[in-house]
Amino acid sequence: MQEIHWQLLAALADGQAHHVTELARRIGLKPPQLNALWQQMPPHIRGLLRQQDGRWRLVRPLAILDEALLRQQAQAAGWQAELLPEHPSSNSYLIAQAKEQGADIHRRIVFVHHQTQGRGRQGRSWQSRIGECLMFSAGWRFARAQAELGGLTLVAALVCCRALRGLGVPAQIKWPNDLVIGGEKLGGILTETARRNSQTAIVVGIGINFVQPKAVEAAEAVQGSAPHASVARLTERLLPDLAVAFEQFDREGLAPFLADYHACHRDQNQPVRLLRDGQTLLQGTALGVDNSGALHILDADGVEHSIVSGEISLRPLHGHTAPAAKPADSKMLLLDAGNSKLKWAWVEHGRMVAVDKTSYWNLEPFTHSWRQHSGENVRIIGSAVCGAAKQQAVAEQLGREPEWLGSMPQALGIRNHYRRVSEHGADRWFNILGSRLFTPHACVVVSCGTAVTIDALTADNHYLGGNIMPGFNLMKEAMAQHTANLNRPAGRPYPFGTTTANAMAGGMIDAVCGAVMLMHERLRQKQPDAPTAVIITGGGAAKIKQGLPEKFALDNPIQIVDNLVLHGLLNWAVQT
């Protein structure tokens, strides 16, 4: 792409509406020329454009930076910034500047919109399409001896984690260099040295998924938790914090950062296993890191091991990404038997490999899936809120009775405060257990199916209970059956409905969204200074998220998670 294409993308990257005259003036074109220019954009970006009343906007923000604003932010934080539209690698660029050209790369920071040879730790490639990832490298010259710089990667990860959490992204650190949300990768840090004339400069490369990567599996992105956050807000937080942290690290080392690092460390005091080339080297409890950045693990015999960064991968011993402990449970079938649909997931070695659903009136797809995947050692567990007849129909297709699980007084560290646990819907309980895979914060969990359930989970794992209300179809049926003139198709929700059909649609959306916001406010008041997330699942999830006020969506992390009950079942199964 040419410079003018990047300028137009930078103008639109905030996801806000911009008038075509403003856009044209900004890049030095006439408004009619914009359409032709836009048609030259990459296909995955072209389809993001929406046009209305002479205004252009993208359906989601992109990781495209405005060069003038970036330089202003960098200068205020003490950096000398450079923006390259395309380059093989920002790390390679800075290292070449230092080694081959003898340039001083201290306090230099280079951003690249599109890297063709991006790389991570252990020689892995870092892949992303234009606009999906924030990628940059920072150069710094340290007075400390090179042997004392092992903790710098951890400091950079901590700075990124803090900045992301400030935007409402529930980021955590996976030792030594990954940013994660639960079991999914959000970003990574690669630290390299550039040595010339007996001087050593460090290049810290950082990549953060801003938009959900299309070609990368098991990945998370900023917009999954903070859909309206702009990349400019992220760089505004990162640039000064990185400079301050690097200065402090040079003076005092890693020690002052350890308490905050451990608070962000995903596996702190958790059972873990260390792998090399897929083989388990050690398993035990992660005690944290020391002043050198080494990880300490306490094994089952009480022996403490010190692990330094290298060709080693850390994995939770339990969790939805970890292999199940028992060989017999290496393959499982999970069932979510709802009121109207049966959903199921096949699990192999702790990961969902196939998910599907069908109605109870046609269980043939389920039967076919069972014949295709079943085996002697398949464990079948499920959550059921449907009646006994539908449960029996499922059992007949399997030729055996599933292990139907109900709500529990407590599980996975979560305490259930429902007065009569036996009356609590199993789907609501496993939605709660599943939510912990997606946020560590206080959380309102919304399930929108035949009924809508709105439940509250505190940050310290107390399930407080919640509300139940009719789903959209039940609301519509009630109005059709019990009013004289409302037996008609619902229209579209508008802020002020001017037809009966639209007024019905708006009323149903407002009823559910209002209930969600009320529950959110009640939960937020328990911990006013902490984030309170919203996780929405079920067939009506998109309607609810779209119906929530824009300010509410900007101020709070909101995620849509498909098949949350199945995630909860899997979380429970592999951890017990």
Protein backbone atom coordinates (compact mmCIF):
# COMPACT_ATOMS: atom_id res chain seq x y z
CA MET A 1 0.00 0.00 0.00
CA GLN A 2 1.06 3.61 -0.56
CA GLU A 3 1.40 6.31 2.07
CA ILE A 4 -1.99 7.80 1.19
CA HIS A 5 -3.71 4.48 1.97
CA TRP A 6 -2.12 4.40 5.44
CA GLN A 7 -3.19 8.01 6.05
CA LEU A 8 -6.82 7.18 5.25
CA LEU A 9 -6.74 4.08 7.44
CA ALA A 10 -5.20 6.06 10.31
CA ALA A 11 -8.01 8.62 10.03
CA LEU A 12 -10.67 5.88 10.27
CA ALA A 13 -8.89 3.53 12.69
CA ASP A 14 -10.68 4.85 15.78
CA GLY A 15 -13.96 3.32 14.58
CA GLN A 16 -15.76 6.68 14.83
CA ALA A 17 -17.78 8.35 12.06
CA HIS A 18 -15.90 10.92 9.94
CA HIS A 19 -17.36 13.13 7.22
CA VAL A 20 -15.92 12.53 3.77
CA THR A 21 -14.96 16.19 3.39
CA GLU A 22 -12.86 15.97 6.56
CA LEU A 23 -11.24 12.73 5.39
CA ALA A 24 -10.49 14.10 1.92
CA ARG A 25 -8.98 17.31 3.32
CA ARG A 26 -6.86 15.33 5.76
CA ILE A 27 -5.16 13.29 3.05
CA GLY A 28 -5.16 15.92 0.29
CA LEU A 29 -7.81 14.48 -2.04
CA LYS A 30 -11.25 15.46 -3.26
CA PRO A 31 -14.22 13.58 -1.71
CA PRO A 32 -15.16 11.74 -4.96
CA GLN A 33 -11.65 10.25 -5.07
CA LEU A 34 -12.07 8.46 -1.74
CA ASN A 35 -14.16 5.60 -3.15
CA ALA A 36 -11.54 4.66 -5.71
CA LEU A 37 -8.84 4.82 -3.05
CA TRP A 38 -10.85 2.60 -0.71
CA GLN A 39 -11.26 -0.08 -3.38
CA GLN A 40 -7.47 -0.49 -3.34
CA MET A 41 -7.47 -1.51 0.35
CA PRO A 42 -6.85 -5.16 1.37
CA PRO A 43 -10.06 -7.24 1.12
CA HIS A 44 -10.29 -7.92 4.87
CA ILE A 45 -10.35 -4.15 5.50
CA ARG A 46 -12.58 -3.09 2.58
CA GLY A 47 -15.55 -4.93 4.05
CA LEU A 48 -15.34 -3.02 7.36
CA LEU A 49 -16.50 0.29 5.88
CA ARG A 50 -20.00 1.68 6.55
CA GLN A 51 -21.30 4.83 4.84
CA GLN A 52 -24.25 6.94 5.98
CA ASP A 53 -25.20 10.58 5.40
CA GLY A 54 -21.82 11.46 3.96
CA ARG A 55 -19.93 9.90 6.86
CA TRP A 56 -17.56 6.95 6.84
CA ARG A 57 -16.78 4.67 9.75
CA LEU A 58 -15.26 1.24 10.28
CA VAL A 59 -17.31 -1.36 12.14
CA ARG A 60 -14.42 -1.83 14.55
CA PRO A 61 -11.25 0.08 15.43
CA LEU A 62 -7.97 -1.07 13.87
CA ALA A 63 -4.36 -1.12 15.08
CA ILE A 64 -3.35 1.63 12.66
CA LEU A 65 -1.52 4.60 14.15
CA ASP A 66 -1.67 8.29 13.33
CA GLU A 67 1.97 9.26 12.88
CA ALA A 68 1.66 12.84 14.14
CA LEU A 69 -0.20 11.76 17.30
CA LEU A 70 2.26 8.91 17.90
CA ARG A 71 5.26 11.22 17.70
CA GLN A 72 3.55 13.62 20.10
CA GLN A 73 2.84 10.84 22.63
CA ALA A 74 6.37 9.47 22.30
CA GLN A 75 8.06 12.84 22.71
CA ALA A 76 6.05 13.55 25.87
CA ALA A 77 7.28 10.22 27.30
CA GLY A 78 10.93 10.77 26.31
CA TRP A 79 11.02 8.50 23.26
CA GLN A 80 12.13 9.16 19.71
CA ALA A 81 9.42 7.43 17.65
CA GLU A 82 9.42 6.12 14.11
CA LEU A 83 6.50 4.61 12.21
CA LEU A 84 7.15 2.15 9.38
CA PRO A 85 4.10 1.05 7.36
CA GLU A 86 5.77 -2.24 6.39
CA HIS A 87 9.01 -3.96 7.43
CA PRO A 88 10.13 -7.56 7.99
CA SER A 89 10.62 -6.99 11.74
CA SER A 90 10.79 -3.99 14.07
CA ASN A 91 13.34 -5.83 16.24
CA SER A 92 15.55 -6.54 13.23
CA TYR A 93 15.27 -2.91 12.16
CA LEU A 94 16.57 -1.53 15.45
CA ILE A 95 19.27 -4.19 15.81
CA ALA A 96 20.54 -3.42 12.30
CA GLN A 97 20.57 0.30 13.14
CA ALA A 98 22.79 -0.41 16.15
CA LYS A 99 25.10 -3.08 14.70
CA GLU A 100 25.51 -2.07 11.07
CA GLN A 101 25.08 1.69 11.22
CA GLY A 102 26.41 2.30 14.70
CA ALA A 103 23.34 4.31 15.66
CA ASP A 104 22.47 5.01 19.26
CA ILE A 105 19.11 3.26 19.75
CA HIS A 106 18.66 4.39 23.37
CA ARG A 107 15.06 5.62 23.88
CA ARG A 108 14.19 4.88 20.25
CA ILE A 109 10.89 3.15 19.58
CA VAL A 110 9.76 1.80 16.22
CA PHE A 111 6.20 0.83 15.27
CA VAL A 112 5.38 -1.30 12.23
CA HIS A 113 1.88 -1.70 10.83
CA HIS A 114 2.66 -4.84 8.84
CA GLN A 115 5.56 -7.18 9.63
CA THR A 116 6.39 -9.80 7.04
CA GLN A 117 8.88 -11.73 9.18
CA GLY A 118 7.70 -11.06 12.72
CA ARG A 119 9.03 -13.52 15.25
CA GLY A 120 8.52 -14.59 18.83
CA ARG A 121 10.45 -16.61 21.38
CA GLN A 122 12.16 -19.88 20.35
CA GLY A 123 12.18 -18.80 16.70
CA ARG A 124 8.40 -18.93 16.28
CA SER A 125 6.80 -16.66 13.73
CA TRP A 126 4.34 -13.92 14.68
CA GLN A 127 1.54 -13.70 12.14
CA SER A 128 -1.08 -11.01 11.70
CA ARG A 129 -2.89 -9.14 8.97
CA ILE A 130 -2.85 -5.37 8.55
CA GLY A 131 -4.74 -3.70 11.39
CA GLU A 132 -4.94 -6.76 13.64
CA CYS A 133 -1.88 -6.29 15.84
CA LEU A 134 -0.01 -3.49 17.59
CA MET A 135 3.68 -4.23 16.94
CA PHE A 136 6.67 -2.19 18.08
CA SER A 137 10.22 -2.42 19.40
CA ALA A 138 11.88 -0.24 22.02
CA GLY A 139 15.64 0.31 22.28
CA TRP A 140 17.32 1.06 25.61
CA ARG A 141 20.90 1.18 26.86
CA PHE A 142 21.30 -0.10 30.41
CA ALA A 143 24.10 0.60 32.86
CA ARG A 144 23.53 -2.75 34.58
CA ALA A 145 25.66 -5.73 33.56
CA GLN A 146 24.19 -7.87 30.81
CA ALA A 147 23.92 -10.84 33.20
CA GLU A 148 21.54 -8.78 35.35
CA LEU A 149 19.09 -7.99 32.54
CA GLY A 150 17.21 -11.29 32.59
CA GLY A 151 14.19 -9.75 34.29
CA LEU A 152 13.63 -7.06 31.65
CA THR A 153 11.18 -9.20 29.68
CA LEU A 154 9.09 -9.64 32.82
CA VAL A 155 9.06 -5.89 33.45
CA ALA A 156 7.88 -5.22 29.89
CA ALA A 157 5.13 -7.84 30.28
CA LEU A 158 4.02 -6.21 33.54
CA VAL A 159 3.82 -2.75 31.96
CA CYS A 160 1.72 -4.13 29.09
CA CYS A 161 -0.53 -6.02 31.49
CA ARG A 162 -1.19 -2.89 33.55
CA ALA A 163 -1.97 -0.80 30.47
CA LEU A 164 -4.36 -3.42 29.11
CA ARG A 165 -6.16 -3.78 32.43
CA GLY A 166 -6.56 -0.02 32.49
CA LEU A 167 -8.60 -0.35 29.28
CA GLY A 168 -10.77 -3.10 30.77
CA VAL A 169 -8.91 -6.03 29.21
CA PRO A 170 -8.51 -8.89 31.78
CA ALA A 171 -4.91 -9.57 30.77
CA GLN A 172 -2.59 -11.85 32.72
CA ILE A 173 1.07 -12.81 32.34
CA LYS A 174 2.19 -16.32 31.46
CA TRP A 175 5.83 -16.69 32.46
CA PRO A 176 8.15 -15.71 30.98
CA ASN A 177 6.98 -13.56 28.06
CA ASP A 178 3.33 -14.06 27.12
CA LEU A 179 0.26 -11.93 27.73
CA VAL A 180 -2.87 -14.07 27.97
CA ILE A 181 -6.56 -14.05 28.75
CA GLY A 182 -7.24 -17.38 30.42
CA GLY A 183 -5.68 -19.99 28.18
CA GLU A 184 -5.58 -17.85 25.02
CA LYS A 185 -2.62 -15.76 23.89
CA LEU A 186 -3.08 -12.00 23.77
CA GLY A 187 0.48 -10.88 23.10
CA GLY A 188 4.15 -11.60 23.53
CA ILE A 189 7.50 -9.97 24.29
CA LEU A 190 10.82 -10.76 22.60
CA THR A 191 13.99 -9.28 24.12
CA GLU A 192 17.23 -9.24 22.09
CA THR A 193 20.62 -7.59 22.46
CA ALA A 194 22.55 -5.38 20.07
CA ARG A 195 26.25 -5.21 20.94
CA ARG A 196 28.78 -2.91 19.26
CA ASN A 197 32.05 -1.33 20.40
CA SER A 198 31.82 -3.00 23.84
CA GLN A 199 28.41 -1.47 24.48
CA THR A 200 25.17 -3.42 24.81
CA ALA A 201 21.75 -2.07 23.96
CA ILE A 202 18.56 -4.05 24.51
CA VAL A 203 15.72 -4.23 22.01
CA VAL A 204 12.35 -5.16 23.49
CA GLY A 205 9.84 -6.24 20.85
CA ILE A 206 6.16 -6.26 21.79
CA GLY A 207 3.18 -7.60 19.86
CA ILE A 208 -0.41 -7.29 21.15
CA ASN A 209 -3.43 -8.65 19.31
CA PHE A 210 -5.77 -5.70 18.92
CA VAL A 211 -8.33 -7.28 16.58
CA GLN A 212 -9.07 -11.01 16.78
CA PRO A 213 -6.46 -12.60 14.45
CA LYS A 214 -8.09 -14.42 11.56
CA ALA A 215 -5.33 -16.95 10.91
CA VAL A 216 -4.27 -17.71 14.51
CA GLU A 217 -5.92 -20.31 16.69
CA ALA A 218 -6.14 -20.06 20.51
CA ALA A 219 -5.76 -16.29 20.45
CA GLU A 220 -7.46 -13.39 22.21
CA ALA A 221 -7.57 -9.69 21.32
CA VAL A 222 -8.07 -6.34 23.02
CA GLN A 223 -11.40 -5.81 21.30
CA GLY A 224 -12.81 -9.02 22.70
CA SER A 225 -12.95 -7.29 26.11
CA ALA A 226 -12.81 -3.60 25.18
CA PRO A 227 -14.54 -3.38 21.77
CA HIS A 228 -14.41 0.42 21.55
CA ALA A 229 -10.86 0.95 22.81
CA SER A 230 -8.61 2.71 20.32
CA VAL A 231 -4.99 1.87 19.69
CA ALA A 232 -4.12 5.50 20.50
CA ARG A 233 -5.46 5.03 24.05
CA LEU A 234 -3.24 1.97 24.44
CA THR A 235 -0.07 3.70 23.23
CA GLU A 236 -0.91 6.70 25.42
CA ARG A 237 -0.67 4.40 28.45
CA LEU A 238 2.22 2.24 27.27
CA LEU A 239 4.82 4.80 26.18
CA PRO A 240 5.32 6.71 29.44
CA ASP A 241 4.95 3.59 31.60
CA LEU A 242 7.61 1.71 29.64
CA ALA A 243 10.08 4.58 29.96
CA VAL A 244 9.51 4.94 33.71
CA ALA A 245 9.75 1.16 34.27
CA PHE A 246 12.98 0.82 32.25
CA GLU A 247 14.56 3.68 34.23
CA GLN A 248 13.58 2.06 37.52
CA PHE A 249 14.76 -1.37 36.39
CA ASP A 250 18.16 0.08 35.47
CA ARG A 251 18.47 1.60 38.96
CA GLU A 252 16.94 -1.12 41.14
CA GLY A 253 16.58 -4.33 39.13
CA LEU A 254 13.55 -6.60 39.19
CA ALA A 255 12.87 -6.61 42.94
CA PRO A 256 10.53 -3.57 43.09
CA PHE A 257 8.31 -5.09 40.40
CA LEU A 258 7.88 -8.58 41.86
CA ALA A 259 4.76 -7.99 43.97
CA ASP A 260 2.85 -6.51 41.03
CA TYR A 261 4.20 -9.17 38.70
CA HIS A 262 2.96 -11.96 40.94
CA ALA A 263 -0.47 -10.30 41.13
CA CYS A 264 -0.67 -10.45 37.33
CA HIS A 265 0.93 -13.90 36.97
CA ARG A 266 -1.71 -16.33 35.74
CA ASP A 267 -0.13 -19.40 37.32
CA GLN A 268 0.92 -17.89 40.67
CA ASN A 269 0.49 -20.55 43.40
CA GLN A 270 -1.20 -22.82 40.87
CA PRO A 271 -0.31 -26.38 39.83
CA VAL A 272 1.73 -26.35 36.62
CA ARG A 273 3.78 -28.60 34.41
CA LEU A 274 6.90 -27.73 32.47
CA LEU A 275 7.25 -29.14 28.99
CA ARG A 276 10.08 -29.48 26.52
CA ASP A 277 9.25 -30.79 23.03
CA GLY A 278 5.91 -31.99 24.36
CA GLN A 279 7.46 -34.01 27.19
CA THR A 280 6.78 -33.23 30.85
CA LEU A 281 9.99 -32.32 32.68
CA LEU A 282 8.51 -31.23 35.98
CA GLN A 283 5.19 -30.60 37.65
CA GLY A 284 4.37 -28.89 40.89
CA THR A 285 3.23 -25.53 42.23
CA ALA A 286 4.44 -22.23 40.73
CA LEU A 287 5.80 -20.20 43.66
CA GLY A 288 6.70 -17.13 41.62
CA VAL A 289 9.86 -15.57 40.24
CA ASP A 290 13.02 -14.35 41.96
CA ASN A 291 15.13 -11.23 41.45
CA SER A 292 16.80 -12.75 38.39
CA GLY A 293 13.49 -13.58 36.68
CA ALA A 294 13.78 -17.34 37.23
CA LEU A 295 10.58 -19.22 38.04
CA HIS A 296 10.48 -21.34 41.21
CA ILE A 297 8.39 -24.53 41.27
CA LEU A 298 7.77 -26.71 44.31
CA ASP A 299 7.37 -30.38 43.37
CA ALA A 300 5.33 -33.06 45.17
CA ASP A 301 8.36 -34.08 47.26
CA GLY A 302 8.82 -30.58 48.63
CA VAL A 303 11.86 -29.86 46.46
CA GLU A 304 12.06 -26.33 45.05
CA HIS A 305 13.33 -25.97 41.47
CA SER A 306 14.60 -22.78 39.81
CA ILE A 307 13.73 -22.54 36.10
CA VAL A 308 15.32 -20.00 33.78
CA SER A 309 13.89 -18.92 30.45
CA GLY A 310 14.81 -21.19 27.58
CA GLU A 311 13.35 -23.92 25.40
CA ILE A 312 10.72 -24.66 28.00
CA SER A 313 6.97 -24.07 27.92
CA LEU A 314 4.81 -23.60 31.00
CA ARG A 315 1.29 -25.06 31.08
CA PRO A 316 -1.35 -25.14 33.80
CA LEU A 317 -1.63 -28.61 35.26
CA HIS A 318 -5.41 -28.14 35.21
CA GLY A 319 -7.46 -25.96 32.92
CA HIS A 320 -9.35 -26.01 29.66
CA THR A 321 -6.13 -25.99 27.61
CA ALA A 322 -4.36 -28.72 29.53
CA PRO A 323 -4.47 -32.45 28.87
CA ALA A 324 -6.74 -34.31 31.25
CA ALA A 325 -4.93 -36.27 33.93
CA LYS A 326 -6.55 -39.66 33.40
CA PRO A 327 -6.05 -41.62 30.18
CA ALA A 328 -9.68 -42.77 30.36
CA ASP A 329 -10.78 -39.13 30.28
CA SER A 330 -8.62 -38.12 27.32
CA LYS A 331 -11.82 -38.16 25.24
CA MET A 332 -15.08 -36.74 26.55
CA LEU A 333 -18.53 -35.87 25.29
CA LEU A 334 -20.09 -32.78 26.87
CA LEU A 335 -23.87 -32.23 26.70
CA ASP A 336 -25.88 -29.06 27.21
CA ALA A 337 -29.51 -30.20 27.19
CA GLY A 338 -31.48 -26.95 27.07
CA ASN A 339 -35.21 -26.45 26.79
CA SER A 340 -35.29 -26.27 22.99
CA LYS A 341 -31.85 -27.40 21.75
CA LEU A 342 -29.30 -30.09 22.51
CA LYS A 343 -25.72 -28.87 22.21
CA TRP A 344 -22.68 -31.10 22.45
CA ALA A 345 -18.92 -30.90 22.26
CA TRP A 346 -16.25 -33.54 21.71
CA VAL A 347 -13.17 -33.05 23.85
CA GLU A 348 -9.77 -34.59 23.17
CA HIS A 349 -6.85 -34.02 25.57
CA GLY A 350 -8.60 -31.15 27.29
CA ARG A 351 -9.65 -29.20 24.18
CA MET A 352 -12.95 -28.95 22.35
CA VAL A 353 -12.44 -30.34 18.87
CA ALA A 354 -16.04 -30.35 17.58
CA VAL A 355 -19.17 -28.48 18.73
CA ASP A 356 -22.68 -28.84 17.30
CA LYS A 357 -26.37 -28.59 18.17
CA THR A 358 -29.75 -29.93 17.05
CA SER A 359 -33.41 -29.92 18.07
CA TYR A 360 -34.88 -32.77 20.10
CA TRP A 361 -37.27 -33.52 17.25
CA ASN A 362 -34.37 -34.49 15.01
CA LEU A 363 -31.54 -36.13 16.95
CA GLU A 364 -30.05 -37.75 13.86
CA PRO A 365 -27.10 -35.29 13.67
CA PHE A 366 -26.29 -36.11 17.30
CA THR A 367 -26.58 -39.85 16.67
CA HIS A 368 -24.28 -39.56 13.64
CA SER A 369 -21.72 -37.62 15.69
CA TRP A 370 -21.82 -40.27 18.43
CA ARG A 371 -21.25 -43.10 15.95
CA GLN A 372 -18.40 -41.21 14.35
CA HIS A 373 -16.49 -40.25 17.51
CA SER A 374 -17.47 -42.71 20.24
CA GLY A 375 -15.16 -45.23 21.86
CA GLU A 376 -14.89 -47.45 24.91
CA ASN A 377 -13.34 -44.87 27.22
CA VAL A 378 -15.50 -41.86 26.36
CA ARG A 379 -16.75 -40.08 29.45
CA ILE A 380 -20.15 -38.40 28.96
CA ILE A 381 -21.09 -35.55 31.26
CA GLY A 382 -23.83 -33.01 30.84
CA SER A 383 -26.04 -30.27 32.17
CA ALA A 384 -29.79 -30.70 31.65
CA VAL A 385 -32.65 -28.27 32.20
CA CYS A 386 -35.01 -30.03 29.80
CA GLY A 387 -37.63 -32.51 30.95
CA ALA A 388 -37.12 -36.21 31.69
CA ALA A 389 -38.50 -37.28 28.30
CA LYS A 390 -35.87 -35.33 26.39
CA GLN A 391 -33.11 -36.61 28.67
CA GLN A 392 -34.30 -40.16 28.00
CA ALA A 393 -34.29 -39.54 24.26
CA VAL A 394 -30.66 -38.47 24.45
CA ALA A 395 -29.74 -41.54 26.52
CA GLU A 396 -31.41 -43.83 23.98
CA GLN A 397 -29.26 -42.40 21.17
CA LEU A 398 -26.14 -43.03 23.24
CA GLY A 399 -27.13 -46.46 24.46
CA ARG A 400 -26.13 -45.41 27.98
CA GLU A 401 -27.09 -42.86 30.60
CA PRO A 402 -25.00 -39.68 30.62
CA GLU A 403 -23.56 -38.38 33.87
CA TRP A 404 -25.98 -35.49 34.36
CA LEU A 405 -24.49 -32.89 36.70
CA GLY A 406 -26.44 -30.42 38.78
CA SER A 407 -25.56 -27.26 40.65
CA MET A 408 -23.08 -27.68 43.51
CA PRO A 409 -22.57 -25.90 46.83
CA GLN A 410 -19.08 -25.03 45.62
CA ALA A 411 -16.66 -25.96 42.85
CA LEU A 412 -13.38 -24.67 41.45
CA GLY A 413 -13.11 -22.27 44.39
CA ILE A 414 -16.51 -20.69 43.67
CA ARG A 415 -19.05 -20.71 46.50
CA ASN A 416 -22.74 -21.02 45.55
CA HIS A 417 -24.97 -18.82 47.74
CA TYR A 418 -28.25 -20.14 46.30
CA ARG A 419 -30.48 -21.00 49.27
CA ARG A 420 -31.59 -24.38 47.87
CA VAL A 421 -28.84 -25.55 45.54
CA SER A 422 -31.04 -28.42 44.29
CA GLU A 423 -33.44 -25.83 42.81
CA HIS A 424 -30.70 -23.93 41.02
CA GLY A 425 -30.56 -24.57 37.27
CA ALA A 426 -27.52 -26.58 36.23
CA ASP A 427 -27.08 -24.38 33.16
CA ARG A 428 -26.75 -21.28 35.32
CA TRP A 429 -24.12 -22.96 37.51
CA PHE A 430 -21.98 -24.15 34.62
CA ASN A 431 -22.29 -20.75 32.95
CA ILE A 432 -20.72 -19.36 36.14
CA LEU A 433 -17.92 -21.97 36.10
CA GLY A 434 -17.32 -21.28 32.42
CA SER A 435 -17.13 -17.52 32.94
CA ARG A 436 -13.89 -17.89 34.90
CA LEU A 437 -12.14 -18.97 31.70
CA PHE A 438 -12.84 -15.55 30.21
CA THR A 439 -12.49 -13.02 33.02
CA PRO A 440 -10.96 -12.89 36.53
CA HIS A 441 -13.14 -9.89 37.43
CA ALA A 442 -16.51 -9.54 39.07
CA CYS A 443 -18.91 -10.59 36.34
CA VAL A 444 -22.55 -10.45 35.29
CA VAL A 445 -23.29 -13.65 33.36
CA VAL A 446 -26.24 -13.39 30.96
CA SER A 447 -27.78 -16.35 29.16
CA CYS A 448 -30.42 -15.55 26.56
CA GLY A 449 -32.37 -18.57 25.34
CA THR A 450 -35.94 -19.65 26.00
CA ALA A 451 -35.55 -17.74 29.28
CA VAL A 452 -33.04 -15.04 30.15
CA THR A 453 -30.93 -15.58 33.27
CA ILE A 454 -28.79 -12.79 34.73
CA ASP A 455 -26.35 -13.93 37.43
CA ALA A 456 -23.71 -12.24 39.57
CA LEU A 457 -20.21 -13.50 40.42
CA THR A 458 -17.86 -11.47 42.61
CA ALA A 459 -14.15 -11.07 41.95
CA ASP A 460 -13.38 -13.26 44.98
CA ASN A 461 -15.55 -16.10 43.62
CA HIS A 462 -18.84 -15.76 45.46
CA TYR A 463 -21.82 -16.62 43.25
CA LEU A 464 -24.53 -14.36 44.66
CA GLY A 465 -27.51 -15.58 42.64
CA GLY A 466 -29.46 -13.66 40.04
CA ASN A 467 -32.68 -13.19 38.10
CA ILE A 468 -34.79 -15.10 35.59
CA MET A 469 -37.07 -13.46 33.04
CA PRO A 470 -38.81 -14.50 29.79
CA GLY A 471 -36.71 -14.68 26.65
CA PHE A 472 -37.58 -12.68 23.54
CA ASN A 473 -39.84 -15.36 22.05
CA LEU A 474 -41.72 -15.87 25.33
CA MET A 475 -42.28 -12.12 25.63
CA LYS A 476 -43.66 -11.99 22.10
CA GLU A 477 -45.89 -15.03 22.64
CA ALA A 478 -47.27 -13.54 25.86
CA MET A 479 -48.23 -10.32 24.11
CA ALA A 480 -49.75 -12.21 21.18
CA GLN A 481 -51.87 -14.42 23.44
CA HIS A 482 -53.00 -11.91 26.03
CA THR A 483 -53.53 -8.65 24.13
CA ALA A 484 -56.05 -7.83 21.44
CA ASN A 485 -53.86 -6.09 18.89
CA LEU A 486 -50.28 -7.29 19.42
CA ASN A 487 -50.34 -10.62 17.59
CA ARG A 488 -47.98 -9.44 14.88
CA PRO A 489 -44.32 -9.87 13.93
CA ALA A 490 -41.95 -7.77 16.00
CA GLY A 491 -40.15 -5.02 14.11
CA ARG A 492 -36.76 -3.47 14.77
CA PRO A 493 -35.78 -1.76 18.02
CA TYR A 494 -35.40 2.01 17.83
CA PRO A 495 -34.79 4.54 20.61
CA PHE A 496 -38.32 5.81 20.04
CA GLY A 497 -40.58 3.28 18.31
CA THR A 498 -43.03 4.94 15.92
CA THR A 499 -44.82 1.75 14.83
CA THR A 500 -46.41 -0.88 17.03
CA ALA A 501 -44.07 -3.57 15.67
CA ASN A 502 -40.98 -1.46 16.38
CA ALA A 503 -42.29 -0.47 19.80
CA MET A 504 -42.68 -4.17 20.68
CA ALA A 505 -39.12 -4.94 19.54
CA GLY A 506 -37.72 -1.97 21.44
CA GLY A 507 -39.64 -2.84 24.57
CA MET A 508 -38.32 -6.41 24.64
CA ILE A 509 -34.70 -5.32 24.13
CA ASP A 510 -34.98 -2.56 26.73
CA ALA A 511 -36.48 -4.96 29.26
CA VAL A 512 -33.54 -7.35 29.03
CA CYS A 513 -30.81 -4.70 28.71
CA GLY A 514 -32.28 -2.73 31.60
CA ALA A 515 -32.22 -5.84 33.79
CA VAL A 516 -28.59 -6.49 32.82
CA MET A 517 -27.55 -2.94 33.68
CA LEU A 518 -29.37 -3.04 37.02
CA MET A 519 -27.59 -6.26 37.99
CA HIS A 520 -24.28 -4.79 36.82
CA GLU A 521 -24.77 -1.71 39.02
CA ARG A 522 -25.67 -3.80 42.07
CA LEU A 523 -22.55 -5.92 41.62
CA ARG A 524 -20.35 -2.91 40.88
CA GLN A 525 -21.40 -1.24 44.14
CA LYS A 526 -19.85 -4.14 46.08
CA GLN A 527 -16.42 -3.29 44.64
CA PRO A 528 -16.71 0.26 43.22
CA ASP A 529 -13.08 0.60 42.14
CA ALA A 530 -12.73 -2.76 40.39
CA PRO A 531 -13.83 -3.70 36.84
CA THR A 532 -17.15 -5.50 36.49
CA ALA A 533 -17.39 -7.53 33.28
CA VAL A 534 -20.41 -8.76 31.34
CA ILE A 535 -20.40 -12.14 29.60
CA ILE A 536 -23.35 -12.94 27.34
CA THR A 537 -24.21 -16.33 25.87
CA GLY A 538 -27.15 -17.89 24.05
CA GLY A 539 -29.04 -17.26 20.82
CA GLY A 540 -30.05 -13.71 21.77
CA ALA A 541 -26.56 -12.62 22.89
CA ALA A 542 -25.88 -10.37 19.90
CA LYS A 543 -29.23 -8.57 20.34
CA ILE A 544 -28.44 -7.82 23.96
CA LYS A 545 -24.94 -6.57 23.31
CA GLN A 546 -26.19 -4.35 20.47
CA GLY A 547 -29.00 -3.01 22.66
CA LEU A 548 -26.78 -1.90 25.54
CA PRO A 549 -26.08 1.86 25.57
CA GLU A 550 -22.85 2.91 23.91
CA LYS A 551 -21.51 4.56 27.06
CA PHE A 552 -22.11 1.39 29.07
CA ALA A 553 -20.31 -0.66 26.41
CA LEU A 554 -17.38 1.74 26.36
CA ASP A 555 -16.98 1.74 30.15
CA ASN A 556 -17.25 -2.00 30.76
CA PRO A 557 -15.67 -5.17 29.31
CA ILE A 558 -18.41 -7.06 27.45
CA GLN A 559 -17.88 -10.41 25.74
CA ILE A 560 -20.12 -12.77 23.79
CA VAL A 561 -19.12 -16.37 24.49
CA ASP A 562 -20.82 -19.15 22.57
CA ASN A 563 -21.63 -22.39 24.40
CA LEU A 564 -20.69 -21.09 27.84
CA VAL A 565 -22.31 -24.11 29.56
CA LEU A 566 -20.00 -26.43 27.62
CA HIS A 567 -16.98 -24.36 28.65
CA GLY A 568 -18.13 -24.64 32.25
CA LEU A 569 -18.53 -28.41 32.01
CA LEU A 570 -15.06 -28.72 30.53
CA ASN A 571 -13.54 -26.44 33.15
CA TRP A 572 -15.09 -28.57 35.89
CA ALA A 573 -14.21 -31.90 34.28
CA VAL A 574 -10.50 -31.31 33.73
CA GLN A 575 -9.98 -29.70 37.12
CA THR A 576 -11.67 -32.47 39.10
